[in-house]
Amino acid sequence: MEVNYKWIYIALIILLQGTLASAQILNIQKRSPKYDYRPLHFGFEIGFNYIDFDIQPIETLQSLPGLYSIESADRPGITLLLISDLRIGEHLNLRFTPGISYTQRDLFYRITDPFSGTIFETFKQVESTFIEFPLLMKFKSVRVNNYRAYLLTGVKFMLDMASQEKVDDPDLLRIIKSELSYEFGVGFDFYFDYFKFSPQIKTSFGINNVLVNDGTIYTAGIDQLQTRAVLISFCFE
């Protein structure tokens, strides 16, 4: 499934603008007015992830015998994170949100049969269990009644506990265990009497190449293989 990042962000921004405009019209009494002055608070985040690969094929892919094309597809997964939030200033917080993500990705190959010349499709499945360590800066807007918008940006280090990097099997598509990515997102806070609820969307883009090139037809046509992801989540703090 192809995730359209552009339209997801546009829909969220429109929803956010409408919510804040409504809050300005209504004279709502502030809930938890001292919440944002806490130096440190905690919570948890749960959401659905859509993780796939950004494939950069070799320049001479079409000249590679037998290989016609390579495509990536994602499947929805689950992410659960713990939140540690440190107040830096009126509009800036530092967030450390370690946790775990479960996901599956597929790479589809169109390969030419050397005997008949016909093209057939096959795929390689990659299951991952990521231990994540995101470190993010949270830039907050002015609070309007019981609402506030924010932006997130930072880096994330991940360990794939299901990685088969060291397994010598030509039938496997192997990826390395450790990954580094940069991450950014947008969301808004809803203040309640005893907690804060924050729906948000984040995207991340891998920095390092995660492919283990074993010389088979499944890796020979790939120059770089990097992780990219969308996370739609809900925070309770």
Protein backbone atom coordinates (compact mmCIF):
# COMPACT_ATOMS: atom_id res chain seq x y z
CA MET A 1 0.00 0.00 0.00
CA GLU A 2 1.36 3.36 -1.04
CA VAL A 3 1.06 6.06 1.65
CA ASN A 4 0.43 9.59 0.32
CA TYR A 5 2.28 11.78 2.84
CA LYS A 6 1.18 15.05 1.22
CA TRP A 7 -2.57 14.53 1.56
CA ILE A 8 -2.30 13.21 5.10
CA TYR A 9 -0.53 16.41 6.18
CA ILE A 10 -3.00 18.65 4.32
CA ALA A 11 -5.99 16.92 6.00
CA LEU A 12 -4.40 17.23 9.43
CA ILE A 13 -3.59 20.93 8.97
CA ILE A 14 -7.15 21.69 7.83
CA LEU A 15 -8.56 19.84 10.84
CA LEU A 16 -6.16 21.66 13.15
CA GLN A 17 -7.08 25.10 11.79
CA GLY A 18 -10.77 24.39 12.17
CA THR A 19 -10.35 23.16 15.72
CA LEU A 20 -8.35 26.20 16.83
CA ALA A 21 -10.74 28.61 15.11
CA SER A 22 -13.67 27.06 16.97
CA ALA A 23 -11.80 27.30 20.26
CA GLN A 24 -11.17 31.02 19.73
CA ILE A 25 -14.87 31.69 19.15
CA LEU A 26 -15.97 29.85 22.28
CA ASN A 27 -14.98 31.21 25.68
CA ILE A 28 -13.89 27.92 27.22
CA GLN A 29 -12.51 27.69 30.74
CA LYS A 30 -8.94 26.37 30.74
CA ARG A 31 -8.40 22.86 32.06
CA SER A 32 -5.13 22.02 33.83
CA PRO A 33 -3.84 25.62 33.50
CA LYS A 34 -0.52 24.79 35.20
CA TYR A 35 0.18 21.64 33.20
CA ASP A 36 2.72 23.19 30.83
CA TYR A 37 4.79 24.59 33.68
CA ARG A 38 5.79 21.15 34.95
CA PRO A 39 9.54 20.65 34.37
CA LEU A 40 9.10 16.96 33.57
CA HIS A 41 6.16 14.71 32.78
CA PHE A 42 5.57 11.22 31.42
CA GLY A 43 3.05 9.33 29.33
CA PHE A 44 2.66 6.78 26.57
CA GLU A 45 2.01 6.76 22.83
CA ILE A 46 0.23 4.11 20.79
CA GLY A 47 -0.35 4.09 17.07
CA PHE A 48 -0.36 2.44 13.66
CA ASN A 49 2.78 2.45 11.55
CA TYR A 50 3.23 2.14 7.80
CA ILE A 51 6.86 1.24 7.13
CA ASP A 52 8.38 0.37 3.79
CA PHE A 53 11.63 0.68 1.85
CA ASP A 54 12.97 3.53 -0.23
CA ILE A 55 14.71 1.68 -3.07
CA GLN A 56 17.55 3.26 -5.02
CA PRO A 57 18.34 0.83 -7.86
CA ILE A 58 21.68 0.67 -9.59
CA GLU A 59 22.00 2.87 -12.69
CA THR A 60 22.41 -0.15 -14.97
CA LEU A 61 19.38 -2.07 -13.64
CA GLN A 62 17.95 -2.80 -17.10
CA SER A 63 21.24 -4.35 -18.19
CA LEU A 64 21.25 -6.77 -15.25
CA PRO A 65 20.44 -10.24 -16.64
CA GLY A 66 17.04 -11.52 -15.55
CA LEU A 67 15.94 -8.60 -13.34
CA TYR A 68 13.20 -6.36 -14.74
CA SER A 69 11.98 -4.22 -11.80
CA ILE A 70 11.86 -3.93 -7.97
CA GLU A 71 9.04 -2.40 -5.91
CA SER A 72 8.33 -2.08 -2.19
CA ALA A 73 5.02 -2.48 -0.33
CA ASP A 74 4.17 -1.86 3.31
CA ARG A 75 1.69 -3.42 5.71
CA PRO A 76 0.16 -1.71 8.76
CA GLY A 77 1.90 -2.40 12.05
CA ILE A 78 1.69 -1.43 15.71
CA THR A 79 3.89 0.99 17.66
CA LEU A 80 3.98 1.49 21.44
CA LEU A 81 6.22 4.19 22.97
CA LEU A 82 6.89 5.61 26.42
CA ILE A 83 7.09 9.40 26.73
CA SER A 84 9.54 11.44 28.80
CA ASP A 85 9.02 15.16 28.22
CA LEU A 86 11.36 17.87 29.54
CA ARG A 87 10.26 21.51 29.47
CA ILE A 88 12.96 23.74 27.96
CA GLY A 89 10.96 26.94 27.58
CA GLU A 90 7.53 28.42 26.97
CA HIS A 91 7.32 26.97 23.45
CA LEU A 92 9.99 24.26 23.44
CA ASN A 93 10.21 20.76 24.96
CA LEU A 94 12.72 17.91 24.63
CA ARG A 95 11.13 14.47 24.24
CA PHE A 96 12.63 11.00 24.57
CA THR A 97 10.16 8.32 23.47
CA PRO A 98 11.68 4.82 23.51
CA GLY A 99 9.50 1.90 22.55
CA ILE A 100 8.80 -0.95 20.18
CA SER A 101 7.31 -1.32 16.67
CA TYR A 102 6.13 -4.42 14.83
CA THR A 103 5.97 -4.33 11.05
CA GLN A 104 6.29 -6.30 7.83
CA ARG A 105 7.59 -5.14 4.45
CA ASP A 106 7.59 -6.84 1.07
CA LEU A 107 9.86 -6.36 -1.93
CA PHE A 108 8.33 -7.43 -5.25
CA TYR A 109 10.61 -8.49 -8.11
CA ARG A 110 9.73 -8.90 -11.77
CA ILE A 111 12.18 -11.42 -13.19
CA THR A 112 12.64 -12.73 -16.71
CA ASP A 113 12.69 -16.49 -17.12
CA PRO A 114 15.96 -17.29 -18.97
CA PHE A 115 14.41 -20.19 -20.90
CA SER A 116 10.97 -18.93 -21.94
CA GLY A 117 11.65 -15.18 -21.84
CA THR A 118 8.41 -14.57 -19.93
CA ILE A 119 8.32 -12.20 -16.96
CA PHE A 120 7.07 -13.52 -13.62
CA GLU A 121 6.71 -11.84 -10.21
CA THR A 122 8.10 -13.01 -6.90
CA PHE A 123 8.54 -11.31 -3.55
CA LYS A 124 10.71 -11.30 -0.45
CA GLN A 125 9.15 -10.72 2.96
CA VAL A 126 10.94 -8.82 5.70
CA GLU A 127 9.48 -8.97 9.22
CA SER A 128 10.91 -6.52 11.76
CA THR A 129 10.62 -5.89 15.47
CA PHE A 130 12.18 -2.49 16.11
CA ILE A 131 13.39 -1.21 19.45
CA GLU A 132 13.24 2.56 18.91
CA PHE A 133 15.06 5.44 20.60
CA PRO A 134 13.69 8.75 19.23
CA LEU A 135 15.02 12.07 20.57
CA LEU A 136 12.78 14.93 19.44
CA MET A 137 12.30 18.66 19.87
CA LYS A 138 8.69 19.79 20.30
CA PHE A 139 7.89 23.32 19.12
CA LYS A 140 4.58 24.49 20.58
CA SER A 141 2.20 27.24 19.48
CA VAL A 142 0.43 29.59 21.86
CA ARG A 143 -2.22 27.75 23.85
CA VAL A 144 -5.78 28.70 22.85
CA ASN A 145 -8.21 27.70 25.59
CA ASN A 146 -7.72 23.91 25.78
CA TYR A 147 -5.90 23.42 22.49
CA ARG A 148 -2.37 23.84 21.25
CA ALA A 149 -0.64 22.93 17.97
CA TYR A 150 2.93 21.66 17.76
CA LEU A 151 5.69 20.48 15.45
CA LEU A 152 8.21 17.69 16.09
CA THR A 153 11.67 17.16 14.65
CA GLY A 154 14.66 15.04 15.62
CA VAL A 155 16.52 11.77 15.08
CA LYS A 156 15.75 8.16 15.82
CA PHE A 157 18.02 5.15 16.39
CA MET A 158 16.49 1.70 15.87
CA LEU A 159 17.55 -1.89 16.50
CA ASP A 160 15.79 -4.61 14.52
CA MET A 161 15.58 -7.55 16.90
CA ALA A 162 14.25 -9.78 14.09
CA SER A 163 17.17 -8.99 11.77
CA GLN A 164 18.80 -11.97 10.07
CA GLU A 165 21.92 -10.05 9.11
CA LYS A 166 24.27 -12.89 10.11
CA VAL A 167 22.20 -15.74 8.65
CA ASP A 168 23.79 -17.22 5.53
CA ASP A 169 20.74 -18.09 3.43
CA PRO A 170 20.41 -17.02 -0.24
CA ASP A 171 16.61 -17.27 -0.02
CA LEU A 172 16.45 -14.46 2.58
CA LEU A 173 16.51 -10.74 1.96
CA ARG A 174 18.75 -9.63 4.82
CA ILE A 175 18.90 -6.18 6.37
CA ILE A 176 21.31 -4.91 9.00
CA LYS A 177 20.29 -4.71 12.64
CA SER A 178 20.87 -1.00 13.39
CA GLU A 179 19.33 1.99 11.65
CA LEU A 180 19.41 5.76 12.00
CA SER A 181 16.72 8.10 10.66
CA TYR A 182 15.52 11.66 10.93
CA GLU A 183 11.93 12.29 11.96
CA PHE A 184 9.43 15.11 11.90
CA GLY A 185 5.73 15.44 12.61
CA VAL A 186 2.76 17.60 13.50
CA GLY A 187 -0.06 17.31 16.01
CA PHE A 188 -2.13 19.13 18.57
CA ASP A 189 -2.75 18.89 22.30
CA PHE A 190 -6.17 18.62 23.92
CA TYR A 191 -6.15 19.52 27.62
CA PHE A 192 -8.43 17.68 30.04
CA ASP A 193 -8.78 17.89 33.81
CA TYR A 194 -6.43 15.00 34.61
CA PHE A 195 -4.45 14.35 31.42
CA LYS A 196 -3.51 15.66 27.98
CA PHE A 197 -4.52 13.86 24.78
CA SER A 198 -2.50 14.46 21.60
CA PRO A 199 -3.24 12.95 18.17
CA GLN A 200 -0.31 13.31 15.80
CA ILE A 201 1.31 12.12 12.61
CA LYS A 202 5.05 11.59 12.15
CA THR A 203 7.21 10.62 9.21
CA SER A 204 10.75 9.27 9.29
CA PHE A 205 13.38 8.73 6.63
CA GLY A 206 16.33 6.40 6.98
CA ILE A 207 19.85 7.75 6.69
CA ASN A 208 21.95 4.61 6.34
CA ASN A 209 21.79 1.77 3.82
CA VAL A 210 20.26 -1.30 5.52
CA LEU A 211 20.74 -3.85 2.74
CA VAL A 212 23.08 -6.81 3.17
CA ASN A 213 24.31 -7.35 -0.40
CA ASP A 214 24.88 -11.08 -0.82
CA GLY A 215 25.38 -11.06 -4.60
CA THR A 216 22.06 -12.76 -5.43
CA ILE A 217 19.65 -11.38 -8.05
CA TYR A 218 17.52 -10.00 -5.19
CA THR A 219 20.26 -7.63 -4.00
CA ALA A 220 22.41 -7.11 -7.10
CA GLY A 221 20.03 -4.51 -8.57
CA ILE A 222 19.83 -2.37 -5.42
CA ASP A 223 22.35 0.37 -4.73
CA GLN A 224 20.75 1.74 -1.54
CA LEU A 225 17.87 0.43 0.61
CA GLN A 226 16.58 2.75 3.31
CA THR A 227 13.64 2.67 5.69
CA ARG A 228 10.82 5.21 5.47
CA ALA A 229 7.75 5.31 7.69
CA VAL A 230 4.54 7.05 8.65
CA LEU A 231 3.18 6.79 12.20
CA ILE A 232 -0.36 7.87 13.09
CA SER A 233 -0.49 7.84 16.88
CA PHE A 234 -2.24 9.03 20.03
CA CYS A 235 -0.39 10.33 23.08
CA PHE A 236 -1.69 10.28 26.65
CA GLU A 237 0.33 12.42 29.07
